[in-house]
C-alpha atoms as a PDB file:
ATOM      1  CA  MET A   1     139.786 104.113   3.690  1.00  0.00           C
ATOM      2  CA  SER A   2     138.966 102.562   7.052  1.00  0.00           C
ATOM      3  CA  GLU A   3     140.994 103.368  10.152  1.00  0.00           C
ATOM      4  CA  GLU A   4     142.269  99.781  10.399  1.00  0.00           C
ATOM      5  CA  LEU A   5     143.353  99.700   6.759  1.00  0.00           C
ATOM      6  CA  PHE A   6     145.148 103.027   7.171  1.00  0.00           C
ATOM      7  CA  LYS A   7     146.924 101.731  10.287  1.00  0.00           C
ATOM      8  CA  ARG A   8     148.107  98.608   8.479  1.00  0.00           C
ATOM      9  CA  LEU A   9     149.374 100.545   5.480  1.00  0.00           C
ATOM     10  CA  THR A  10     151.150 103.067   7.722  1.00  0.00           C
ATOM     11  CA  LYS A  11     152.692 100.236   9.731  1.00  0.00           C
ATOM     12  CA  ALA A  12     154.058  98.619   6.558  1.00  0.00           C
ATOM     13  CA  VAL A  13     155.601 101.909   5.406  1.00  0.00           C
ATOM     14  CA  ASN A  14     157.110 102.683   8.822  1.00  0.00           C
ATOM     15  CA  GLU A  15     158.562  99.183   9.157  1.00  0.00           C
ATOM     16  CA  HIS A  16     160.033  99.291   5.632  1.00  0.00           C
ATOM     17  CA  ASN A  17     157.831  96.538   4.201  1.00  0.00           C
ATOM     18  CA  ASP A  18     156.775  96.811   0.549  1.00  0.00           C
ATOM     19  CA  ALA A  19     153.003  97.075   0.170  1.00  0.00           C
ATOM     20  CA  VAL A  20     150.360  97.616  -2.498  1.00  0.00           C
ATOM     21  CA  LEU A  21     147.002  99.348  -2.047  1.00  0.00           C
ATOM     22  CA  ILE A  22     144.454  97.993  -4.540  1.00  0.00           C
ATOM     23  CA  THR A  23     141.229  99.923  -5.082  1.00  0.00           C
ATOM     24  CA  ILE A  24     138.382  98.486  -7.183  1.00  0.00           C
ATOM     25  CA  THR A  25     137.358 101.335  -9.484  1.00  0.00           C
ATOM     26  CA  ASN A  26     134.917  99.631 -11.876  1.00  0.00           C
ATOM     27  CA  LEU A  27     132.773  96.523 -11.414  1.00  0.00           C
ATOM     28  CA  PRO A  28     129.226  95.490 -12.437  1.00  0.00           C
ATOM     29  CA  GLU A  29     128.494  94.854  -8.758  1.00  0.00           C
ATOM     30  CA  ILE A  30     128.414  98.511  -7.788  1.00  0.00           C
ATOM     31  CA  SER A  31     128.530  97.860  -4.041  1.00  0.00           C
ATOM     32  CA  PHE A  32     132.143  96.700  -4.333  1.00  0.00           C
ATOM     33  CA  ILE A  33     133.348  99.810  -6.154  1.00  0.00           C
ATOM     34  CA  GLY A  34     135.810 101.621  -3.865  1.00  0.00           C
ATOM     35  CA  ALA A  35     136.680  98.461  -1.937  1.00  0.00           C
ATOM     36  CA  LYS A  36     140.357  98.364  -0.944  1.00  0.00           C
ATOM     37  CA  ILE A  37     142.834  95.542  -0.401  1.00  0.00           C
ATOM     38  CA  ILE A  38     146.410  95.656   0.924  1.00  0.00           C
ATOM     39  CA  LEU A  39     148.866  93.226  -0.663  1.00  0.00           C
ATOM     40  CA  TYR A  40     152.232  92.582   0.958  1.00  0.00           C
ATOM     41  CA  LYS A  41     155.466  91.480  -0.683  1.00  0.00           C
ATOM     42  CA  ASP A  42     155.173  87.964   0.753  1.00  0.00           C
ATOM     43  CA  GLY A  43     151.842  87.497  -1.046  1.00  0.00           C
ATOM     44  CA  THR A  44     149.563  87.906   1.961  1.00  0.00           C
ATOM     45  CA  LEU A  45     146.452  90.136   1.829  1.00  0.00           C
ATOM     46  CA  TYR A  46     144.391  92.276   4.119  1.00  0.00           C
ATOM     47  CA  ASP A  47     140.868  92.405   2.662  1.00  0.00           C
ATOM     48  CA  GLU A  48     138.070  93.979   4.688  1.00  0.00           C
ATOM     49  CA  SER A  49     135.498  93.303   1.956  1.00  0.00           C
ATOM     50  CA  LYS A  50     136.036  89.530   2.232  1.00  0.00           C
ATOM     51  CA  MET A  51     136.329  88.927  -1.494  1.00  0.00           C
ATOM     52  CA  PRO A  52     136.146  85.288  -2.697  1.00  0.00           C
ATOM     53  CA  GLN A  53     139.416  83.437  -2.261  1.00  0.00           C
ATOM     54  CA  ASP A  54     139.805  82.750  -5.993  1.00  0.00           C
ATOM     55  CA  PHE A  55     139.409  86.495  -6.683  1.00  0.00           C
ATOM     56  CA  GLN A  56     142.045  87.254  -4.050  1.00  0.00           C
ATOM     57  CA  GLN A  57     144.367  84.845  -5.858  1.00  0.00           C
ATOM     58  CA  LYS A  58     143.752  86.754  -9.089  1.00  0.00           C
ATOM     59  CA  ILE A  59     144.686  89.975  -7.297  1.00  0.00           C
ATOM     60  CA  ILE A  60     147.925  88.421  -6.060  1.00  0.00           C
ATOM     61  CA  GLU A  61     148.847  87.085  -9.520  1.00  0.00           C
ATOM     62  CA  ASN A  62     148.185  90.428 -11.239  1.00  0.00           C
ATOM     63  CA  CYS A  63     149.516  92.854  -8.637  1.00  0.00           C
ATOM     64  CA  LEU A  64     152.581  91.171  -7.150  1.00  0.00           C
ATOM     65  CA  PRO A  65     154.634  91.672 -10.365  1.00  0.00           C
ATOM     66  CA  LEU A  66     153.765  95.402 -10.234  1.00  0.00           C
ATOM     67  CA  LEU A  67     155.130  95.557  -6.698  1.00  0.00           C
ATOM     68  CA  GLU A  68     158.357  93.936  -7.841  1.00  0.00           C
ATOM     69  CA  GLN A  69     158.566  96.443 -10.725  1.00  0.00           C
ATOM     70  CA  LYS A  70     157.466  99.338  -8.455  1.00  0.00           C
ATOM     71  CA  LYS A  71     154.816 100.421 -10.964  1.00  0.00           C
ATOM     72  CA  THR A  72     151.633 102.238  -9.946  1.00  0.00           C
ATOM     73  CA  LYS A  73     148.961 101.782 -12.624  1.00  0.00           C
ATOM     74  CA  THR A  74     145.369 100.841 -13.431  1.00  0.00           C
ATOM     75  CA  ILE A  75     144.897  97.228 -14.474  1.00  0.00           C
ATOM     76  CA  ASP A  76     142.068  95.037 -15.749  1.00  0.00           C
ATOM     77  CA  VAL A  77     141.519  91.776 -13.857  1.00  0.00           C
ATOM     78  CA  VAL A  78     139.407  89.115 -15.563  1.00  0.00           C
ATOM     79  CA  TYR A  79     137.468  87.134 -12.994  1.00  0.00           C
ATOM     80  CA  ARG A  80     134.713  84.643 -13.933  1.00  0.00           C
ATOM     81  CA  ASN A  81     134.330  86.277 -17.347  1.00  0.00           C
ATOM     82  CA  THR A  82     133.957  89.706 -15.726  1.00  0.00           C
ATOM     83  CA  HIS A  83     136.384  92.583 -16.267  1.00  0.00           C
ATOM     84  CA  ILE A  84     137.257  94.312 -12.995  1.00  0.00           C
ATOM     85  CA  GLU A  85     139.177  97.569 -13.086  1.00  0.00           C
ATOM     86  CA  CYS A  86     141.633  98.066 -10.231  1.00  0.00           C
ATOM     87  CA  TYR A  87     143.895 100.961  -9.354  1.00  0.00           C
ATOM     88  CA  VAL A  88     147.156  99.532  -8.020  1.00  0.00           C
ATOM     89  CA  GLU A  89     149.171 101.976  -5.899  1.00  0.00           C
ATOM     90  CA  ILE A  90     152.667 100.903  -4.894  1.00  0.00           C
ATOM     91  CA  PHE A  91     154.206 101.845  -1.538  1.00  0.00           C
ATOM     92  CA  PRO A  92     157.760 100.577  -1.973  1.00  0.00           C
ATOM     93  CA  VAL A  93     160.411 100.611   0.714  1.00  0.00           C
ATOM     94  CA  PRO A  94     162.728 103.564  -0.002  1.00  0.00           C
ATOM     95  CA  PRO A  95     166.392 102.771  -0.636  1.00  0.00           C
ATOM     96  CA  HIS A  96     168.399 102.825   2.588  1.00  0.00           C
ATOM     97  CA  LEU A  97     171.404 105.130   2.872  1.00  0.00           C
ATOM     98  CA  ILE A  98     173.665 104.341   5.836  1.00  0.00           C
ATOM     99  CA  VAL A  99     176.195 107.034   6.732  1.00  0.00           C
ATOM    100  CA  ALA A 100     178.887 105.808   9.143  1.00  0.00           C
ATOM    101  CA  GLY A 101     180.478 108.766  10.856  1.00  0.00           C
ATOM    102  CA  ALA A 102     178.949 112.053  11.996  1.00  0.00           C
ATOM    103  CA  GLY A 103     181.508 114.509  10.634  1.00  0.00           C
ATOM    104  CA  HIS A 104     181.221 117.653   8.506  1.00  0.00           C
ATOM    105  CA  VAL A 105     180.680 115.782   5.221  1.00  0.00           C
ATOM    106  CA  SER A 106     178.054 113.497   6.725  1.00  0.00           C
ATOM    107  CA  GLU A 107     175.741 116.418   7.560  1.00  0.00           C
ATOM    108  CA  PRO A 108     175.099 117.536   3.950  1.00  0.00           C
ATOM    109  CA  VAL A 109     175.130 113.888   2.816  1.00  0.00           C
ATOM    110  CA  ALA A 110     172.233 113.144   5.185  1.00  0.00           C
ATOM    111  CA  GLU A 111     170.322 116.254   4.132  1.00  0.00           C
ATOM    112  CA  VAL A 112     170.679 115.764   0.372  1.00  0.00           C
ATOM    113  CA  GLY A 113     170.195 111.997   0.691  1.00  0.00           C
ATOM    114  CA  LYS A 114     166.812 112.634   2.320  1.00  0.00           C
ATOM    115  CA  MET A 115     165.905 115.067  -0.455  1.00  0.00           C
ATOM    116  CA  LEU A 116     166.676 112.317  -2.982  1.00  0.00           C
ATOM    117  CA  GLY A 117     164.198 109.952  -1.325  1.00  0.00           C
ATOM    118  CA  PHE A 118     166.528 107.738   0.700  1.00  0.00           C
ATOM    119  CA  TYR A 119     165.741 106.491   4.181  1.00  0.00           C
ATOM    120  CA  VAL A 120     168.793 107.921   5.940  1.00  0.00           C
ATOM    121  CA  THR A 121     170.530 106.340   8.926  1.00  0.00           C
ATOM    122  CA  VAL A 122     173.519 108.028  10.553  1.00  0.00           C
ATOM    123  CA  ILE A 123     175.708 105.922  12.871  1.00  0.00           C
ATOM    124  CA  ASP A 124     178.493 107.154  15.154  1.00  0.00           C
ATOM    125  CA  ASP A 125     180.003 105.819  18.374  1.00  0.00           C
ATOM    126  CA  ARG A 126     180.077 109.213  20.092  1.00  0.00           C
ATOM    127  CA  LYS A 127     176.977 110.521  21.903  1.00  0.00           C
ATOM    128  CA  GLU A 128     177.869 114.160  21.374  1.00  0.00           C
ATOM    129  CA  PHE A 129     177.840 113.618  17.584  1.00  0.00           C
ATOM    130  CA  ALA A 130     175.109 110.989  17.153  1.00  0.00           C
ATOM    131  CA  ASN A 131     172.052 113.141  17.802  1.00  0.00           C
ATOM    132  CA  THR A 132     169.045 114.486  15.892  1.00  0.00           C
ATOM    133  CA  LYS A 133     170.022 118.098  16.592  1.00  0.00           C
ATOM    134  CA  LYS A 134     173.105 117.641  14.451  1.00  0.00           C
ATOM    135  CA  PHE A 135     171.218 115.542  11.873  1.00  0.00           C
ATOM    136  CA  PRO A 136     167.642 116.880  11.716  1.00  0.00           C
ATOM    137  CA  TYR A 137     167.078 115.424   8.235  1.00  0.00           C
ATOM    138  CA  ALA A 138     168.079 111.858   9.093  1.00  0.00           C
ATOM    139  CA  ASP A 139     165.315 109.304   9.638  1.00  0.00           C
ATOM    140  CA  GLU A 140     167.415 107.522  12.222  1.00  0.00           C
ATOM    141  CA  VAL A 141     170.480 108.462  14.264  1.00  0.00           C
ATOM    142  CA  VAL A 142     172.216 105.605  16.043  1.00  0.00           C
ATOM    143  CA  CYS A 143     174.886 105.745  18.732  1.00  0.00           C
ATOM    144  CA  SER A 144     176.689 102.416  18.671  1.00  0.00           C
ATOM    145  CA  SER A 145     180.042 100.848  17.975  1.00  0.00           C
ATOM    146  CA  TYR A 146     180.543 100.405  14.231  1.00  0.00           C
ATOM    147  CA  ILE A 147     181.261  96.691  14.542  1.00  0.00           C
ATOM    148  CA  ASP A 148     178.075  96.014  16.522  1.00  0.00           C
ATOM    149  CA  PHE A 149     175.997  98.112  14.129  1.00  0.00           C
ATOM    150  CA  PHE A 150     177.252  96.512  10.910  1.00  0.00           C
ATOM    151  CA  ARG A 151     177.088  93.071  12.472  1.00  0.00           C
ATOM    152  CA  ASN A 152     173.314  93.392  12.907  1.00  0.00           C
ATOM    153  CA  VAL A 153     171.884  96.003  10.505  1.00  0.00           C
ATOM    154  CA  PRO A 154     169.691  94.515   7.733  1.00  0.00           C
ATOM    155  CA  ILE A 155     171.469  94.570   4.359  1.00  0.00           C
ATOM    156  CA  THR A 156     169.739  94.258   0.982  1.00  0.00           C
ATOM    157  CA  SER A 157     170.456  95.173  -2.625  1.00  0.00           C
ATOM    158  CA  GLU A 158     168.671  98.477  -1.850  1.00  0.00           C
ATOM    159  CA  THR A 159     171.173  99.397   0.890  1.00  0.00           C
ATOM    160  CA  TYR A 160     173.816 102.031   0.124  1.00  0.00           C
ATOM    161  CA  ILE A 161     176.646 102.434   2.636  1.00  0.00           C
ATOM    162  CA  LEU A 162     179.100 105.283   3.212  1.00  0.00           C
ATOM    163  CA  LEU A 163     182.096 104.875   5.492  1.00  0.00           C
ATOM    164  CA  LEU A 164     183.044 108.429   6.521  1.00  0.00           C
ATOM    165  CA  THR A 165     184.257 107.916  10.071  1.00  0.00           C
ATOM    166  CA  ARG A 166     186.773 110.081  11.924  1.00  0.00           C
ATOM    167  CA  GLY A 167     189.551 107.487  11.617  1.00  0.00           C
ATOM    168  CA  HIS A 168     190.440 105.173   8.780  1.00  0.00           C
ATOM    169  CA  LYS A 169     190.721 102.252  11.206  1.00  0.00           C
ATOM    170  CA  PHE A 170     186.967 102.531  11.877  1.00  0.00           C
ATOM    171  CA  ASP A 171     186.241 102.501   8.140  1.00  0.00           C
ATOM    172  CA  VAL A 172     188.335  99.378   7.706  1.00  0.00           C
ATOM    173  CA  VAL A 173     186.801  97.398  10.578  1.00  0.00           C
ATOM    174  CA  SER A 174     183.332  98.406   9.369  1.00  0.00           C
ATOM    175  CA  LEU A 175     184.202  97.260   5.855  1.00  0.00           C
ATOM    176  CA  GLN A 176     185.554  93.965   7.173  1.00  0.00           C
ATOM    177  CA  GLU A 177     182.350  93.354   9.129  1.00  0.00           C
ATOM    178  CA  LEU A 178     180.275  94.152   6.034  1.00  0.00           C
ATOM    179  CA  LEU A 179     182.274  91.763   3.850  1.00  0.00           C
ATOM    180  CA  LYS A 180     181.855  88.980   6.424  1.00  0.00           C
ATOM    181  CA  ARG A 181     178.105  89.503   6.143  1.00  0.00           C
ATOM    182  CA  GLU A 182     178.185  89.639   2.347  1.00  0.00           C
ATOM    183  CA  GLU A 183     180.089  86.398   1.941  1.00  0.00           C
ATOM    184  CA  MET A 184     177.064  84.672   3.493  1.00  0.00           C
ATOM    185  CA  LEU A 185     174.730  86.230   0.893  1.00  0.00           C
ATOM    186  CA  ASP A 186     174.114  85.503  -2.755  1.00  0.00           C
ATOM    187  CA  VAL A 187     175.621  88.152  -5.040  1.00  0.00           C
ATOM    188  CA  GLU A 188     172.206  89.582  -5.997  1.00  0.00           C
ATOM    189  CA  GLU A 189     171.349  90.079  -2.300  1.00  0.00           C
ATOM    190  CA  ARG A 190     174.437  92.156  -1.534  1.00  0.00           C
ATOM    191  CA  THR A 191     174.507  95.920  -1.383  1.00  0.00           C
ATOM    192  CA  VAL A 192     175.548  97.427  -4.706  1.00  0.00           C
ATOM    193  CA  TYR A 193     177.422 100.327  -3.118  1.00  0.00           C
ATOM    194  CA  ILE A 194     179.930 100.639  -0.284  1.00  0.00           C
ATOM    195  CA  GLY A 195     181.780 103.943  -0.440  1.00  0.00           C
ATOM    196  CA  MET A 196     184.895 104.502   1.670  1.00  0.00           C
ATOM    197  CA  ILE A 197     186.782 107.754   2.034  1.00  0.00           C
ATOM    198  CA  GLY A 198     190.580 107.787   2.028  1.00  0.00           C
ATOM    199  CA  SER A 199     193.725 108.456   0.018  1.00  0.00           C
ATOM    200  CA  ARG A 200     194.615 106.195  -2.906  1.00  0.00           C
ATOM    201  CA  ARG A 201     197.773 104.946  -1.196  1.00  0.00           C
ATOM    202  CA  ARG A 202     195.998 104.051   2.029  1.00  0.00           C
ATOM    203  CA  ILE A 203     193.128 102.367   0.196  1.00  0.00           C
ATOM    204  CA  SER A 204     195.435 100.243  -1.963  1.00  0.00           C
ATOM    205  CA  GLY A 205     196.924  98.847   1.254  1.00  0.00           C
ATOM    206  CA  VAL A 206     193.452  98.061   2.565  1.00  0.00           C
ATOM    207  CA  PHE A 207     192.545  96.184  -0.601  1.00  0.00           C
ATOM    208  CA  GLU A 208     195.695  94.086  -0.393  1.00  0.00           C
ATOM    209  CA  GLN A 209     194.677  93.080   3.114  1.00  0.00           C
ATOM    210  CA  LEU A 210     191.080  92.347   2.064  1.00  0.00           C
ATOM    211  CA  LYS A 211     192.065  90.120  -0.850  1.00  0.00           C
ATOM    212  CA  ASP A 212     193.839  87.753   1.521  1.00  0.00           C
ATOM    213  CA  GLU A 213     190.974  87.740   4.022  1.00  0.00           C
ATOM    214  CA  PHE A 214     187.981  87.599   1.670  1.00  0.00           C
ATOM    215  CA  THR A 215     188.596  85.207  -1.193  1.00  0.00           C
ATOM    216  CA  ASP A 216     184.934  84.920  -2.247  1.00  0.00           C
ATOM    217  CA  HIS A 217     184.378  88.591  -3.013  1.00  0.00           C
ATOM    218  CA  ASN A 218     185.000  90.465  -6.275  1.00  0.00           C
ATOM    219  CA  PHE A 219     184.939  93.920  -4.564  1.00  0.00           C
ATOM    220  CA  ILE A 220     183.056  95.521  -7.483  1.00  0.00           C
ATOM    221  CA  ASN A 221     180.585  97.090  -5.061  1.00  0.00           C
ATOM    222  CA  ILE A 222     183.312  98.959  -3.152  1.00  0.00           C
ATOM    223  CA  TYR A 223     183.884 102.549  -4.289  1.00  0.00           C
ATOM    224  CA  SER A 224     187.029 104.087  -2.887  1.00  0.00           C
ATOM    225  CA  PRO A 225     188.152 106.856  -3.068  1.00  0.00           C
ATOM    226  CA  VAL A 226     184.511 107.813  -2.839  1.00  0.00           C
ATOM    227  CA  GLY A 227     182.582 110.157  -5.171  1.00  0.00           C
ATOM    228  CA  LEU A 228     182.746 111.410  -8.737  1.00  0.00           C
ATOM    229  CA  ASP A 229     185.644 113.595  -9.846  1.00  0.00           C
ATOM    230  CA  VAL A 230     184.032 117.042  -9.967  1.00  0.00           C
ATOM    231  CA  GLY A 231     186.801 118.927  -8.182  1.00  0.00           C
ATOM    232  CA  ALA A 232     184.862 118.967  -4.902  1.00  0.00           C
ATOM    233  CA  GLN A 233     186.519 120.866  -2.033  1.00  0.00           C
ATOM    234  CA  THR A 234     183.918 121.870   0.564  1.00  0.00           C
ATOM    235  CA  PRO A 235     181.823 119.416   2.627  1.00  0.00           C
ATOM    236  CA  VAL A 236     178.732 120.232   0.552  1.00  0.00           C
ATOM    237  CA  GLU A 237     180.602 119.776  -2.739  1.00  0.00           C
ATOM    238  CA  ILE A 238     182.022 116.462  -1.523  1.00  0.00           C
ATOM    239  CA  ALA A 239     178.529 115.356  -0.458  1.00  0.00           C
ATOM    240  CA  ILE A 240     177.163 116.158  -3.925  1.00  0.00           C
ATOM    241  CA  SER A 241     179.977 114.217  -5.613  1.00  0.00           C
ATOM    242  CA  ILE A 242     179.298 111.201  -3.385  1.00  0.00           C
ATOM    243  CA  LEU A 243     175.538 111.226  -3.908  1.00  0.00           C
ATOM    244  CA  ALA A 244     176.000 111.704  -7.644  1.00  0.00           C
ATOM    245  CA  GLU A 245     178.090 108.525  -7.648  1.00  0.00           C
ATOM    246  CA  ILE A 246     175.423 106.693  -5.639  1.00  0.00           C
ATOM    247  CA  LEU A 247     172.745 107.794  -8.127  1.00  0.00           C
ATOM    248  CA  LYS A 248     174.958 106.633 -10.972  1.00  0.00           C
ATOM    249  CA  VAL A 249     175.139 103.164  -9.414  1.00  0.00           C
ATOM    250  CA  LYS A 250     171.500 103.075  -8.311  1.00  0.00           C
ATOM    251  CA  ASN A 251     170.161 104.122 -11.706  1.00  0.00           C
ATOM    252  CA  GLN A 252     172.773 102.137 -13.665  1.00  0.00           C
ATOM    253  CA  ALA A 253     173.763 105.271 -15.566  1.00  0.00           C
ATOM    254  CA  SER A 254     177.057 106.246 -17.192  1.00  0.00           C
ATOM    255  CA  GLY A 255     177.740 109.343 -15.091  1.00  0.00           C
ATOM    256  CA  SER A 256     178.976 111.111 -18.228  1.00  0.00           C
ATOM    257  CA  SER A 257     178.072 114.701 -19.052  1.00  0.00           C
ATOM    258  CA  LEU A 258     174.884 114.933 -21.096  1.00  0.00           C
ATOM    259  CA  LYS A 259     176.720 117.447 -23.298  1.00  0.00           C
ATOM    260  CA  GLU A 260     178.637 114.546 -24.840  1.00  0.00           C
ATOM    261  CA  LYS A 261     175.438 113.594 -26.682  1.00  0.00           C
ATOM    262  CA  ILE A 262     174.830 117.082 -28.028  1.00  0.00           C
ATOM    263  CA  SER A 263     177.384 116.926 -30.827  1.00  0.00           C
ATOM    264  CA  SER A 264     175.649 113.994 -32.498  1.00  0.00           C
ATOM    265  CA  TYR A 265     172.225 115.639 -32.030  1.00  0.00           C
ATOM    266  CA  SER A 266     173.402 118.953 -33.487  1.00  0.00           C
ATOM    267  CA  LYS A 267     174.883 117.255 -36.550  1.00  0.00           C
ATOM    268  CA  LEU A 268     171.561 115.537 -37.160  1.00  0.00           C
ATOM    269  CA  ILE A 269     169.668 118.850 -36.861  1.00  0.00           C
ATOM    270  CA  PHE A 270     172.082 120.575 -39.239  1.00  0.00           C
ATOM    271  CA  ARG A 271     171.604 117.790 -41.807  1.00  0.00           C
ATOM    272  CA  GLU A 272     167.814 118.103 -41.551  1.00  0.00           C
ATOM    273  CA  ARG A 273     168.038 121.874 -42.032  1.00  0.00           C
ATOM    274  CA  SER A 274     170.235 121.499 -45.102  1.00  0.00           C
ATOM    275  CA  ARG A 275     167.654 119.222 -46.713  1.00  0.00           C
ATOM    276  CA  LYS A 276     164.888 121.843 -46.455  1.00  0.00           C
END
């Protein structure tokens, strides 16, 4: 890989832009074997080998769907009656976990979130809390007002947001700012998860207020009280329950215990044994 190609790929990863690295692994014209092309999500290419434009179009047609599916694989591209083998390596943008509030629960949330492959941003409006010493595992620590931050931060369907601030009023104003943003987006462009900490009674009052203010929102992406019911007590336990809920939403899973499937499996095994 050339230095320029490496720089461009690194830049795409650091700036959270989806990219594909295509390597030609088999071709009758042996001089092109090992040639590399970068394909970006918008369909543009960086090709040092200066392949013919119609071949580049073939690359785009065959590889862009793999980027959308986030699938790394070897493919066969037919070009002018020639089969060209290409290894397509996906460098997708990691899902973005935003943690609002720099309290005790936020610390293990940031650490475990990073372990799970999220790009982790921690936001707090206090300088003494919003620092990398307190959050060494976070990719980004921001000191800003919550309203200003949520008014400008990029939001996509791959953004997961936790409102864990020191005061419920900050959670509410952050949520209001987020919903203002979301009402300008199509449903499929909205974040699928906004988790907000708080008691059931307090949260029910918040929802009553939101229903009057935001008439074009179904609120299905708001999870409050936050986390799965696992009896969590300590900050680490609470963090695990929250991230388990996020994984449930992200992976579109049931969140049920896998043991619930065992009874049906064991009955099947016992039947098979009785037949022998």
